[in-house]
Amino acid sequence: MSVTQKARPAQATEIPEATRLKLFQLQVEIRHTEKRAYDLFLQNLVKGTSHLALGQEAVAAGFAAAMNKDDYTFCTYRGHHHTLARGASMQSVLGELMGRQCGLMKGKGGSMHLTSVEHGVMGSYAIVGAHLPIAAGAAWSAQYRGTKQVAVAFFGDGATNIGAFHEALNLAAVWKLPVIFCCENNMYMEYTPISAVTAVKHPAADRAASYGLERQVIDGNDADIVYSTARGAIEKARSGGGPSLIECLTYRHSGHSRADPAKYRPKEELEEWLKRDPVALYRARLLASGFSEAALAKIESDSMAKLEQATAAAKASPTPALESAMTDVWADGGNAWRN
């Protein structure tokens, strides 16, 4: 797949050093946490399944670094990386995966329903594409209230072939809503290559013109490019310029879920994408740009220390009490009206 992007040197000089270190920190912390989630699954401490975003860290980091604190994030069931990037703690995410009271949803939501309104994460949605019209609705609310908030909806390539994708794009374009639709195109829907069931080469970007939007395809494994592109789209939305559709080319290192060995992917393809690991590439670029090895190593060691503390605290947290089963379910906090 081809990638359209601006010249990298110009982008690097536009991004402050503190922001670039933040981009590295976010990618490292996401990578460490996702790996730990996998380890906990193997220890039978994460029940059910989970969908890891190993290899897709640059998309989450780039967008999160460009967003304001009160902007909205809407993610899919593969949403750990976006939840962490927006500021949710490792402990609250791992605790939720393990079904503990310290979790974001007090252990009752699990991997596919991470939500943290405090951090602008307005839910992870297990139904493919269901959140795209909801993100448009949140953007409409912000537009109506004049708050200058922006909504960003992340989705996989498979969502581009369902009705909600097209309906949300059309509504957003007609009403010039402050929303960005970001397709994390990792080339596979679940087990099926997106190219096998889609009439156009780029499932998101090649449909943009249908809604009067600019075609944007970028390298989703390059945090600098993602950040710069996201920043431009967010500024456009915040100033009343309407929505954007951005297709980020990326690749998941593991299968669709923990139950998927991903043997359907060609070995050569996987090896080629692993050479473009976003975390390793960004680390090498920072070193080449003059950042010290000691500074980057400290970010990595601090991340591991935070992870160890978070893991221990999450393991020590109790499971939800039985009497909490009916709380946070109905608007009034209870279920008396049903009786």
C-alpha atoms as a PDB file:
ATOM      1  CA  MET A   1       0.000   0.000   0.000  1.00  0.00           C
ATOM      2  CA  SER A   2       1.205   3.458  -0.850  1.00  0.00           C
ATOM      3  CA  VAL A   3       1.541   6.170   1.767  1.00  0.00           C
ATOM      4  CA  THR A   4       1.127   9.895   1.181  1.00  0.00           C
ATOM      5  CA  GLN A   5       2.853  12.165   3.670  1.00  0.00           C
ATOM      6  CA  LYS A   6       4.701  15.431   4.082  1.00  0.00           C
ATOM      7  CA  ALA A   7       8.491  15.561   4.187  1.00  0.00           C
ATOM      8  CA  ARG A   8       9.626  14.121   7.503  1.00  0.00           C
ATOM      9  CA  PRO A   9      12.419  16.656   8.264  1.00  0.00           C
ATOM     10  CA  ALA A  10       9.975  19.569   8.086  1.00  0.00           C
ATOM     11  CA  GLN A  11       7.578  17.787  10.431  1.00  0.00           C
ATOM     12  CA  ALA A  12      10.280  16.926  12.957  1.00  0.00           C
ATOM     13  CA  THR A  13      11.378  20.550  13.247  1.00  0.00           C
ATOM     14  CA  GLU A  14       7.776  21.641  13.806  1.00  0.00           C
ATOM     15  CA  ILE A  15       7.266  19.327  16.784  1.00  0.00           C
ATOM     16  CA  PRO A  16       8.687  20.568  20.123  1.00  0.00           C
ATOM     17  CA  GLU A  17      11.213  18.339  21.870  1.00  0.00           C
ATOM     18  CA  ALA A  18       8.928  17.866  24.864  1.00  0.00           C
ATOM     19  CA  THR A  19       6.148  16.641  22.591  1.00  0.00           C
ATOM     20  CA  ARG A  20       8.446  14.173  20.858  1.00  0.00           C
ATOM     21  CA  LEU A  21       9.549  12.764  24.205  1.00  0.00           C
ATOM     22  CA  LYS A  22       5.875  12.504  25.170  1.00  0.00           C
ATOM     23  CA  LEU A  23       5.142  10.621  21.955  1.00  0.00           C
ATOM     24  CA  PHE A  24       7.919   8.164  22.790  1.00  0.00           C
ATOM     25  CA  GLN A  25       6.744   7.791  26.377  1.00  0.00           C
ATOM     26  CA  LEU A  26       3.174   7.057  25.330  1.00  0.00           C
ATOM     27  CA  GLN A  27       4.261   4.442  22.801  1.00  0.00           C
ATOM     28  CA  VAL A  28       6.548   2.747  25.307  1.00  0.00           C
ATOM     29  CA  GLU A  29       3.935   2.690  28.067  1.00  0.00           C
ATOM     30  CA  ILE A  30       1.311   1.301  25.699  1.00  0.00           C
ATOM     31  CA  ARG A  31       3.706  -1.374  24.425  1.00  0.00           C
ATOM     32  CA  HIS A  32       4.687  -2.463  27.940  1.00  0.00           C
ATOM     33  CA  THR A  33       1.071  -2.536  29.145  1.00  0.00           C
ATOM     34  CA  GLU A  34      -0.180  -4.509  26.152  1.00  0.00           C
ATOM     35  CA  LYS A  35       2.592  -7.062  26.581  1.00  0.00           C
ATOM     36  CA  ARG A  36       1.691  -7.364  30.261  1.00  0.00           C
ATOM     37  CA  ALA A  37      -1.962  -7.864  29.335  1.00  0.00           C
ATOM     38  CA  TYR A  38      -0.868 -10.786  27.174  1.00  0.00           C
ATOM     39  CA  ASP A  39       1.180 -12.267  30.037  1.00  0.00           C
ATOM     40  CA  LEU A  40      -1.766 -11.938  32.426  1.00  0.00           C
ATOM     41  CA  PHE A  41      -4.005 -13.676  29.899  1.00  0.00           C
ATOM     42  CA  LEU A  42      -1.593 -16.611  29.761  1.00  0.00           C
ATOM     43  CA  GLN A  43      -1.713 -16.740  33.568  1.00  0.00           C
ATOM     44  CA  ASN A  44      -5.522 -17.060  33.319  1.00  0.00           C
ATOM     45  CA  LEU A  45      -5.940 -13.753  35.130  1.00  0.00           C
ATOM     46  CA  VAL A  46      -7.694 -12.118  32.159  1.00  0.00           C
ATOM     47  CA  LYS A  47     -10.938 -13.965  31.493  1.00  0.00           C
ATOM     48  CA  GLY A  48     -12.574 -14.158  28.120  1.00  0.00           C
ATOM     49  CA  THR A  49     -10.648 -12.671  25.226  1.00  0.00           C
ATOM     50  CA  SER A  50      -8.848  -9.417  24.532  1.00  0.00           C
ATOM     51  CA  HIS A  51      -7.783  -7.549  21.422  1.00  0.00           C
ATOM     52  CA  LEU A  52      -4.275  -6.145  21.638  1.00  0.00           C
ATOM     53  CA  ALA A  53      -2.926  -3.203  19.658  1.00  0.00           C
ATOM     54  CA  LEU A  54       0.716  -4.257  19.627  1.00  0.00           C
ATOM     55  CA  GLY A  55       2.167  -2.530  16.576  1.00  0.00           C
ATOM     56  CA  GLN A  56      -0.469   0.221  16.452  1.00  0.00           C
ATOM     57  CA  GLU A  57       0.904   2.413  19.256  1.00  0.00           C
ATOM     58  CA  ALA A  58       1.844   5.367  17.031  1.00  0.00           C
ATOM     59  CA  VAL A  59      -1.764   6.049  16.036  1.00  0.00           C
ATOM     60  CA  ALA A  60      -2.952   6.329  19.636  1.00  0.00           C
ATOM     61  CA  ALA A  61       0.067   8.347  20.779  1.00  0.00           C
ATOM     62  CA  GLY A  62      -0.020  10.747  17.838  1.00  0.00           C
ATOM     63  CA  PHE A  63      -3.683  11.591  18.176  1.00  0.00           C
ATOM     64  CA  ALA A  64      -3.719  11.785  21.971  1.00  0.00           C
ATOM     65  CA  ALA A  65      -0.786  14.210  21.991  1.00  0.00           C
ATOM     66  CA  ALA A  66      -2.659  16.481  19.561  1.00  0.00           C
ATOM     67  CA  MET A  67      -5.970  16.512  21.454  1.00  0.00           C
ATOM     68  CA  ASN A  68      -7.155  18.807  24.222  1.00  0.00           C
ATOM     69  CA  LYS A  69      -8.062  17.320  27.575  1.00  0.00           C
ATOM     70  CA  ASP A  70     -11.804  17.830  27.025  1.00  0.00           C
ATOM     71  CA  ASP A  71     -11.888  16.374  23.508  1.00  0.00           C
ATOM     72  CA  TYR A  72     -13.681  13.073  22.983  1.00  0.00           C
ATOM     73  CA  THR A  73     -12.221   9.680  22.026  1.00  0.00           C
ATOM     74  CA  PHE A  74     -14.403   6.829  20.745  1.00  0.00           C
ATOM     75  CA  CYS A  75     -12.718   3.450  20.228  1.00  0.00           C
ATOM     76  CA  THR A  76     -13.426  -0.093  19.169  1.00  0.00           C
ATOM     77  CA  TYR A  77     -13.047  -3.281  21.199  1.00  0.00           C
ATOM     78  CA  ARG A  78      -9.325  -2.867  20.375  1.00  0.00           C
ATOM     79  CA  GLY A  79      -9.119   0.206  22.556  1.00  0.00           C
ATOM     80  CA  HIS A  80      -6.521  -0.337  25.283  1.00  0.00           C
ATOM     81  CA  HIS A  81      -3.961   1.848  23.513  1.00  0.00           C
ATOM     82  CA  HIS A  82      -6.300   4.808  23.060  1.00  0.00           C
ATOM     83  CA  THR A  83      -7.526   4.606  26.653  1.00  0.00           C
ATOM     84  CA  LEU A  84      -3.967   4.620  27.981  1.00  0.00           C
ATOM     85  CA  ALA A  85      -2.864   7.382  25.607  1.00  0.00           C
ATOM     86  CA  ARG A  86      -5.620   9.690  26.850  1.00  0.00           C
ATOM     87  CA  GLY A  87      -4.363   9.346  30.426  1.00  0.00           C
ATOM     88  CA  ALA A  88      -6.064   6.372  32.071  1.00  0.00           C
ATOM     89  CA  SER A  89      -3.662   4.631  34.442  1.00  0.00           C
ATOM     90  CA  MET A  90      -2.057   1.271  33.807  1.00  0.00           C
ATOM     91  CA  GLN A  91      -3.596   0.001  37.038  1.00  0.00           C
ATOM     92  CA  SER A  92      -7.136   0.963  36.056  1.00  0.00           C
ATOM     93  CA  VAL A  93      -6.783  -0.649  32.626  1.00  0.00           C
ATOM     94  CA  LEU A  94      -5.135  -3.875  33.834  1.00  0.00           C
ATOM     95  CA  GLY A  95      -7.530  -4.016  36.764  1.00  0.00           C
ATOM     96  CA  GLU A  96     -10.484  -3.857  34.381  1.00  0.00           C
ATOM     97  CA  LEU A  97      -9.019  -6.583  32.202  1.00  0.00           C
ATOM     98  CA  MET A  98      -8.696  -8.794  35.292  1.00  0.00           C
ATOM     99  CA  GLY A  99     -12.177  -7.948  36.553  1.00  0.00           C
ATOM    100  CA  ARG A 100     -11.040  -6.122  39.686  1.00  0.00           C
ATOM    101  CA  GLN A 101     -12.667  -3.283  41.589  1.00  0.00           C
ATOM    102  CA  CYS A 102      -9.751  -0.953  40.805  1.00  0.00           C
ATOM    103  CA  GLY A 103     -10.639  -1.211  37.116  1.00  0.00           C
ATOM    104  CA  LEU A 104     -12.090   1.640  35.078  1.00  0.00           C
ATOM    105  CA  MET A 105     -15.534   0.027  35.176  1.00  0.00           C
ATOM    106  CA  LYS A 106     -14.988  -1.500  38.624  1.00  0.00           C
ATOM    107  CA  GLY A 107     -14.289  -4.832  36.981  1.00  0.00           C
ATOM    108  CA  LYS A 108     -17.662  -5.175  35.256  1.00  0.00           C
ATOM    109  CA  GLY A 109     -16.843  -4.009  31.737  1.00  0.00           C
ATOM    110  CA  GLY A 110     -13.738  -5.881  30.746  1.00  0.00           C
ATOM    111  CA  SER A 111     -11.349  -5.483  27.846  1.00  0.00           C
ATOM    112  CA  MET A 112     -13.894  -4.527  25.193  1.00  0.00           C
ATOM    113  CA  HIS A 113     -15.745  -1.801  27.121  1.00  0.00           C
ATOM    114  CA  LEU A 114     -13.055   0.475  28.533  1.00  0.00           C
ATOM    115  CA  THR A 115     -14.492   3.884  29.333  1.00  0.00           C
ATOM    116  CA  SER A 116     -13.093   6.882  31.211  1.00  0.00           C
ATOM    117  CA  VAL A 117     -15.189  10.026  30.885  1.00  0.00           C
ATOM    118  CA  GLU A 118     -12.636  11.772  33.106  1.00  0.00           C
ATOM    119  CA  HIS A 119     -10.065  11.360  30.347  1.00  0.00           C
ATOM    120  CA  GLY A 120     -12.427  11.961  27.437  1.00  0.00           C
ATOM    121  CA  VAL A 121     -12.645   8.263  26.545  1.00  0.00           C
ATOM    122  CA  MET A 122     -16.336   7.902  25.788  1.00  0.00           C
ATOM    123  CA  GLY A 123     -16.368   4.152  25.463  1.00  0.00           C
ATOM    124  CA  SER A 124     -14.987   1.173  23.597  1.00  0.00           C
ATOM    125  CA  TYR A 125     -17.590  -0.439  21.373  1.00  0.00           C
ATOM    126  CA  ALA A 126     -17.770  -4.158  20.634  1.00  0.00           C
ATOM    127  CA  ILE A 127     -20.264  -3.732  17.777  1.00  0.00           C
ATOM    128  CA  VAL A 128     -18.259  -2.886  14.669  1.00  0.00           C
ATOM    129  CA  GLY A 129     -18.821   0.713  13.604  1.00  0.00           C
ATOM    130  CA  ALA A 130     -21.559   1.391  16.173  1.00  0.00           C
ATOM    131  CA  HIS A 131     -19.635   4.286  17.687  1.00  0.00           C
ATOM    132  CA  LEU A 132     -19.227   6.302  14.480  1.00  0.00           C
ATOM    133  CA  PRO A 133     -22.716   7.888  14.553  1.00  0.00           C
ATOM    134  CA  ILE A 134     -22.325   8.338  18.319  1.00  0.00           C
ATOM    135  CA  ALA A 135     -19.100  10.276  17.753  1.00  0.00           C
ATOM    136  CA  ALA A 136     -20.950  12.430  15.234  1.00  0.00           C
ATOM    137  CA  GLY A 137     -23.601  13.026  17.874  1.00  0.00           C
ATOM    138  CA  ALA A 138     -21.002  14.095  20.438  1.00  0.00           C
ATOM    139  CA  ALA A 139     -19.515  16.463  17.868  1.00  0.00           C
ATOM    140  CA  TRP A 140     -22.973  17.860  17.146  1.00  0.00           C
ATOM    141  CA  SER A 141     -23.454  18.469  20.866  1.00  0.00           C
ATOM    142  CA  ALA A 142     -20.128  20.321  21.066  1.00  0.00           C
ATOM    143  CA  GLN A 143     -21.050  22.361  17.985  1.00  0.00           C
ATOM    144  CA  TYR A 144     -24.464  23.236  19.445  1.00  0.00           C
ATOM    145  CA  ARG A 145     -22.984  24.198  22.826  1.00  0.00           C
ATOM    146  CA  GLY A 146     -20.131  26.158  21.232  1.00  0.00           C
ATOM    147  CA  THR A 147     -17.495  24.450  23.373  1.00  0.00           C
ATOM    148  CA  LYS A 148     -14.902  23.988  20.583  1.00  0.00           C
ATOM    149  CA  GLN A 149     -14.518  20.346  21.596  1.00  0.00           C
ATOM    150  CA  VAL A 150     -13.580  17.801  18.934  1.00  0.00           C
ATOM    151  CA  ALA A 151     -14.590  14.145  18.728  1.00  0.00           C
ATOM    152  CA  VAL A 152     -12.250  11.522  17.268  1.00  0.00           C
ATOM    153  CA  ALA A 153     -13.578   8.092  16.303  1.00  0.00           C
ATOM    154  CA  PHE A 154     -11.097   5.271  15.732  1.00  0.00           C
ATOM    155  CA  PHE A 155     -12.133   2.189  13.775  1.00  0.00           C
ATOM    156  CA  GLY A 156     -10.680  -0.691  11.825  1.00  0.00           C
ATOM    157  CA  ASP A 157     -10.662  -1.195   8.078  1.00  0.00           C
ATOM    158  CA  GLY A 158     -13.557  -3.652   8.308  1.00  0.00           C
ATOM    159  CA  ALA A 159     -15.915  -0.935   9.553  1.00  0.00           C
ATOM    160  CA  THR A 160     -15.640   0.921   6.244  1.00  0.00           C
ATOM    161  CA  ASN A 161     -17.969  -1.571   4.550  1.00  0.00           C
ATOM    162  CA  ILE A 162     -20.949  -1.132   6.860  1.00  0.00           C
ATOM    163  CA  GLY A 163     -23.752   1.394   6.744  1.00  0.00           C
ATOM    164  CA  ALA A 164     -22.895   3.266   9.950  1.00  0.00           C
ATOM    165  CA  PHE A 165     -19.560   4.368   8.452  1.00  0.00           C
ATOM    166  CA  HIS A 166     -21.223   6.011   5.461  1.00  0.00           C
ATOM    167  CA  GLU A 167     -24.139   7.428   7.425  1.00  0.00           C
ATOM    168  CA  ALA A 168     -21.846   9.050   9.991  1.00  0.00           C
ATOM    169  CA  LEU A 169     -19.570  10.512   7.320  1.00  0.00           C
ATOM    170  CA  ASN A 170     -22.477  11.924   5.351  1.00  0.00           C
ATOM    171  CA  LEU A 171     -24.110  13.535   8.392  1.00  0.00           C
ATOM    172  CA  ALA A 172     -20.786  14.961   9.592  1.00  0.00           C
ATOM    173  CA  ALA A 173     -20.027  16.431   6.183  1.00  0.00           C
ATOM    174  CA  VAL A 174     -23.508  17.942   5.709  1.00  0.00           C
ATOM    175  CA  TRP A 175     -23.506  19.566   9.147  1.00  0.00           C
ATOM    176  CA  LYS A 176     -19.746  20.327   9.161  1.00  0.00           C
ATOM    177  CA  LEU A 177     -19.355  18.618  12.506  1.00  0.00           C
ATOM    178  CA  PRO A 178     -16.103  18.874  14.523  1.00  0.00           C
ATOM    179  CA  VAL A 179     -15.284  15.179  14.226  1.00  0.00           C
ATOM    180  CA  ILE A 180     -12.323  13.218  12.869  1.00  0.00           C
ATOM    181  CA  PHE A 181     -12.785   9.687  11.612  1.00  0.00           C
ATOM    182  CA  CYS A 182      -9.528   7.724  11.906  1.00  0.00           C
ATOM    183  CA  CYS A 183      -9.262   4.350  10.191  1.00  0.00           C
ATOM    184  CA  GLU A 184      -6.561   2.122  11.674  1.00  0.00           C
ATOM    185  CA  ASN A 185      -6.056   0.026   8.552  1.00  0.00           C
ATOM    186  CA  ASN A 186      -4.119  -3.030   9.703  1.00  0.00           C
ATOM    187  CA  MET A 187      -5.030  -4.863   6.485  1.00  0.00           C
ATOM    188  CA  TYR A 188      -7.234  -7.509   8.084  1.00  0.00           C
ATOM    189  CA  MET A 189     -10.820  -7.301   9.265  1.00  0.00           C
ATOM    190  CA  GLU A 190     -10.769 -10.314  11.542  1.00  0.00           C
ATOM    191  CA  TYR A 191      -9.284 -13.171   9.587  1.00  0.00           C
ATOM    192  CA  THR A 192     -10.080 -11.817   6.106  1.00  0.00           C
ATOM    193  CA  PRO A 193      -7.844  -9.401   4.168  1.00  0.00           C
ATOM    194  CA  ILE A 194      -9.752  -6.150   3.636  1.00  0.00           C
ATOM    195  CA  SER A 195      -8.498  -6.140   0.034  1.00  0.00           C
ATOM    196  CA  ALA A 196     -10.422  -9.345  -0.678  1.00  0.00           C
ATOM    197  CA  VAL A 197     -13.823  -7.791  -0.013  1.00  0.00           C
ATOM    198  CA  THR A 198     -13.435  -4.121  -0.922  1.00  0.00           C
ATOM    199  CA  ALA A 199     -13.733  -2.564  -4.371  1.00  0.00           C
ATOM    200  CA  VAL A 200     -11.195   0.199  -3.714  1.00  0.00           C
ATOM    201  CA  LYS A 201      -7.554  -0.039  -2.649  1.00  0.00           C
ATOM    202  CA  HIS A 202      -7.812   2.231   0.390  1.00  0.00           C
ATOM    203  CA  PRO A 203     -11.098   1.346   2.125  1.00  0.00           C
ATOM    204  CA  ALA A 204     -11.448   4.655   3.979  1.00  0.00           C
ATOM    205  CA  ALA A 205      -9.513   7.278   2.020  1.00  0.00           C
ATOM    206  CA  ASP A 206     -10.801   6.223  -1.398  1.00  0.00           C
ATOM    207  CA  ARG A 207     -14.360   6.885  -0.193  1.00  0.00           C
ATOM    208  CA  ALA A 208     -13.588  10.380   1.156  1.00  0.00           C
ATOM    209  CA  ALA A 209     -14.450  12.179  -2.080  1.00  0.00           C
ATOM    210  CA  SER A 210     -17.986  10.791  -1.907  1.00  0.00           C
ATOM    211  CA  TYR A 211     -18.547  13.087   1.058  1.00  0.00           C
ATOM    212  CA  GLY A 212     -16.553  16.056  -0.184  1.00  0.00           C
ATOM    213  CA  LEU A 213     -13.608  15.248   2.075  1.00  0.00           C
ATOM    214  CA  GLU A 214      -9.884  15.255   1.338  1.00  0.00           C
ATOM    215  CA  ARG A 215      -8.237  11.902   0.625  1.00  0.00           C
ATOM    216  CA  GLN A 216      -5.679  11.311   3.385  1.00  0.00           C
ATOM    217  CA  VAL A 217      -3.535   8.172   3.648  1.00  0.00           C
ATOM    218  CA  ILE A 218      -0.619   8.321   6.073  1.00  0.00           C
ATOM    219  CA  ASP A 219       2.001   6.092   7.656  1.00  0.00           C
ATOM    220  CA  GLY A 220       0.284   4.986  10.845  1.00  0.00           C
ATOM    221  CA  ASN A 221       3.551   3.603  12.227  1.00  0.00           C
ATOM    222  CA  ASP A 222       5.197   7.035  12.253  1.00  0.00           C
ATOM    223  CA  ALA A 223       4.201   8.977  15.372  1.00  0.00           C
ATOM    224  CA  ASP A 224       5.475  12.293  14.000  1.00  0.00           C
ATOM    225  CA  ILE A 225       3.344  12.002  10.870  1.00  0.00           C
ATOM    226  CA  VAL A 226       0.293  10.889  12.840  1.00  0.00           C
ATOM    227  CA  TYR A 227       0.703  13.757  15.317  1.00  0.00           C
ATOM    228  CA  SER A 228       1.140  16.410  12.617  1.00  0.00           C
ATOM    229  CA  THR A 229      -1.797  15.116  10.575  1.00  0.00           C
ATOM    230  CA  ALA A 230      -4.018  14.830  13.636  1.00  0.00           C
ATOM    231  CA  ARG A 231      -3.092  18.317  14.787  1.00  0.00           C
ATOM    232  CA  GLY A 232      -4.068  19.785  11.422  1.00  0.00           C
ATOM    233  CA  ALA A 233      -7.390  17.937  11.308  1.00  0.00           C
ATOM    234  CA  ILE A 234      -8.222  18.882  14.896  1.00  0.00           C
ATOM    235  CA  GLU A 235      -7.426  22.554  14.293  1.00  0.00           C
ATOM    236  CA  LYS A 236      -9.632  22.480  11.202  1.00  0.00           C
ATOM    237  CA  ALA A 237     -12.521  20.907  13.127  1.00  0.00           C
ATOM    238  CA  ARG A 238     -12.134  23.224  16.107  1.00  0.00           C
ATOM    239  CA  SER A 239     -12.261  26.314  13.901  1.00  0.00           C
ATOM    240  CA  GLY A 240     -15.483  25.241  12.175  1.00  0.00           C
ATOM    241  CA  GLY A 241     -13.921  23.660   9.092  1.00  0.00           C
ATOM    242  CA  GLY A 242     -15.802  20.401   9.480  1.00  0.00           C
ATOM    243  CA  PRO A 243     -14.800  16.738   9.592  1.00  0.00           C
ATOM    244  CA  SER A 244     -11.793  14.820   8.291  1.00  0.00           C
ATOM    245  CA  LEU A 245     -11.271  11.199   7.328  1.00  0.00           C
ATOM    246  CA  ILE A 246      -7.746   9.884   7.876  1.00  0.00           C
ATOM    247  CA  GLU A 247      -6.546   6.403   6.948  1.00  0.00           C
ATOM    248  CA  CYS A 248      -3.526   5.259   8.967  1.00  0.00           C
ATOM    249  CA  LEU A 249      -1.651   2.308   7.490  1.00  0.00           C
ATOM    250  CA  THR A 250      -0.473   0.066  10.310  1.00  0.00           C
ATOM    251  CA  TYR A 251      -0.229  -3.609  11.303  1.00  0.00           C
ATOM    252  CA  ARG A 252      -1.064  -5.627  14.377  1.00  0.00           C
ATOM    253  CA  HIS A 253       1.802  -7.808  15.545  1.00  0.00           C
ATOM    254  CA  SER A 254      -0.464 -10.526  16.891  1.00  0.00           C
ATOM    255  CA  GLY A 255      -3.767 -12.070  15.853  1.00  0.00           C
ATOM    256  CA  HIS A 256      -7.193 -10.485  15.868  1.00  0.00           C
ATOM    257  CA  SER A 257      -7.703 -11.630  19.462  1.00  0.00           C
ATOM    258  CA  ARG A 258      -5.986 -13.881  21.980  1.00  0.00           C
ATOM    259  CA  ALA A 259      -7.727 -16.873  20.407  1.00  0.00           C
ATOM    260  CA  ASP A 260      -6.242 -16.150  16.978  1.00  0.00           C
ATOM    261  CA  PRO A 261      -2.757 -17.447  16.030  1.00  0.00           C
ATOM    262  CA  ALA A 262      -2.952 -15.402  12.798  1.00  0.00           C
ATOM    263  CA  LYS A 263      -1.584 -18.189  10.612  1.00  0.00           C
ATOM    264  CA  TYR A 264      -3.506 -16.767   7.648  1.00  0.00           C
ATOM    265  CA  ARG A 265      -0.951 -13.963   7.286  1.00  0.00           C
ATOM    266  CA  PRO A 266       2.020 -14.608   4.978  1.00  0.00           C
ATOM    267  CA  LYS A 267       5.271 -15.007   6.910  1.00  0.00           C
ATOM    268  CA  GLU A 268       7.078 -12.557   4.642  1.00  0.00           C
ATOM    269  CA  GLU A 269       4.410  -9.922   5.184  1.00  0.00           C
ATOM    270  CA  LEU A 270       4.667 -10.194   8.956  1.00  0.00           C
ATOM    271  CA  GLU A 271       8.462 -10.043   8.882  1.00  0.00           C
ATOM    272  CA  GLU A 272       8.391  -6.947   6.696  1.00  0.00           C
ATOM    273  CA  TRP A 273       5.988  -5.111   8.981  1.00  0.00           C
ATOM    274  CA  LEU A 274       7.908  -6.108  12.106  1.00  0.00           C
ATOM    275  CA  LYS A 275      10.884  -4.242  10.629  1.00  0.00           C
ATOM    276  CA  ARG A 276       8.678  -1.144  10.799  1.00  0.00           C
ATOM    277  CA  ASP A 277       7.874  -1.489  14.494  1.00  0.00           C
ATOM    278  CA  PRO A 278       6.670   2.027  15.463  1.00  0.00           C
ATOM    279  CA  VAL A 279       8.324   2.011  18.893  1.00  0.00           C
ATOM    280  CA  ALA A 280      11.729   0.880  17.609  1.00  0.00           C
ATOM    281  CA  LEU A 281      11.580   3.274  14.657  1.00  0.00           C
ATOM    282  CA  TYR A 282      10.728   6.248  16.849  1.00  0.00           C
ATOM    283  CA  ARG A 283      13.448   5.424  19.337  1.00  0.00           C
ATOM    284  CA  ALA A 284      16.024   5.251  16.554  1.00  0.00           C
ATOM    285  CA  ARG A 285      14.828   8.561  15.128  1.00  0.00           C
ATOM    286  CA  LEU A 286      15.089  10.326  18.481  1.00  0.00           C
ATOM    287  CA  LEU A 287      18.648   9.069  18.909  1.00  0.00           C
ATOM    288  CA  ALA A 288      19.505  10.232  15.396  1.00  0.00           C
ATOM    289  CA  SER A 289      17.974  13.631  16.213  1.00  0.00           C
ATOM    290  CA  GLY A 290      20.289  14.150  19.161  1.00  0.00           C
ATOM    291  CA  PHE A 291      18.273  12.822  22.092  1.00  0.00           C
ATOM    292  CA  SER A 292      20.485  10.976  24.581  1.00  0.00           C
ATOM    293  CA  GLU A 293      20.407   7.252  25.164  1.00  0.00           C
ATOM    294  CA  ALA A 294      20.177   7.944  28.896  1.00  0.00           C
ATOM    295  CA  ALA A 295      17.010  10.031  28.492  1.00  0.00           C
ATOM    296  CA  LEU A 296      15.251   7.369  26.436  1.00  0.00           C
ATOM    297  CA  ALA A 297      16.422   4.554  28.707  1.00  0.00           C
ATOM    298  CA  LYS A 298      15.007   6.431  31.699  1.00  0.00           C
ATOM    299  CA  ILE A 299      11.600   6.703  30.013  1.00  0.00           C
ATOM    300  CA  GLU A 300      11.690   2.950  29.407  1.00  0.00           C
ATOM    301  CA  SER A 301      12.776   2.072  32.938  1.00  0.00           C
ATOM    302  CA  ASP A 302      10.237   4.437  34.488  1.00  0.00           C
ATOM    303  CA  SER A 303       7.541   2.816  32.372  1.00  0.00           C
ATOM    304  CA  MET A 304       8.494  -0.663  33.579  1.00  0.00           C
ATOM    305  CA  ALA A 305       8.543   0.502  37.190  1.00  0.00           C
ATOM    306  CA  LYS A 306       5.044   1.974  36.802  1.00  0.00           C
ATOM    307  CA  LEU A 307       3.896  -1.241  35.167  1.00  0.00           C
ATOM    308  CA  GLU A 308       5.207  -3.464  37.958  1.00  0.00           C
ATOM    309  CA  GLN A 309       3.516  -1.307  40.574  1.00  0.00           C
ATOM    310  CA  ALA A 310       0.276  -1.211  38.593  1.00  0.00           C
ATOM    311  CA  THR A 311       0.273  -4.982  38.067  1.00  0.00           C
ATOM    312  CA  ALA A 312       0.812  -5.697  41.749  1.00  0.00           C
ATOM    313  CA  ALA A 313      -1.924  -3.267  42.785  1.00  0.00           C
ATOM    314  CA  ALA A 314      -4.381  -4.664  40.244  1.00  0.00           C
ATOM    315  CA  LYS A 315      -3.728  -8.243  41.338  1.00  0.00           C
ATOM    316  CA  ALA A 316      -4.275  -7.241  44.968  1.00  0.00           C
ATOM    317  CA  SER A 317      -7.566  -5.499  44.219  1.00  0.00           C
ATOM    318  CA  PRO A 318     -10.694  -7.541  45.048  1.00  0.00           C
ATOM    319  CA  THR A 319     -13.256  -8.684  42.519  1.00  0.00           C
ATOM    320  CA  PRO A 320     -16.585  -6.816  42.423  1.00  0.00           C
ATOM    321  CA  ALA A 321     -18.971  -7.528  45.293  1.00  0.00           C
ATOM    322  CA  LEU A 322     -22.113  -9.436  44.316  1.00  0.00           C
ATOM    323  CA  GLU A 323     -24.351  -6.588  45.499  1.00  0.00           C
ATOM    324  CA  SER A 324     -22.743  -4.260  42.920  1.00  0.00           C
ATOM    325  CA  ALA A 325     -24.184  -6.233  39.994  1.00  0.00           C
ATOM    326  CA  MET A 326     -27.102  -3.856  39.509  1.00  0.00           C
ATOM    327  CA  THR A 327     -25.229  -0.589  40.068  1.00  0.00           C
ATOM    328  CA  ASP A 328     -24.191   1.659  37.169  1.00  0.00           C
ATOM    329  CA  VAL A 329     -26.696  -0.129  34.951  1.00  0.00           C
ATOM    330  CA  TRP A 330     -29.785   2.119  35.049  1.00  0.00           C
ATOM    331  CA  ALA A 331     -29.841   5.906  35.105  1.00  0.00           C
ATOM    332  CA  ASP A 332     -31.226   6.091  38.633  1.00  0.00           C
ATOM    333  CA  GLY A 333     -28.609   3.687  39.977  1.00  0.00           C
ATOM    334  CA  GLY A 334     -31.036   0.868  40.716  1.00  0.00           C
ATOM    335  CA  ASN A 335     -33.544  -1.498  39.201  1.00  0.00           C
ATOM    336  CA  ALA A 336     -36.555  -0.961  41.438  1.00  0.00           C
ATOM    337  CA  TRP A 337     -38.639   0.343  38.538  1.00  0.00           C
ATOM    338  CA  ARG A 338     -38.487  -3.099  36.923  1.00  0.00           C
ATOM    339  CA  ASN A 339     -40.332  -4.780  39.789  1.00  0.00           C
END
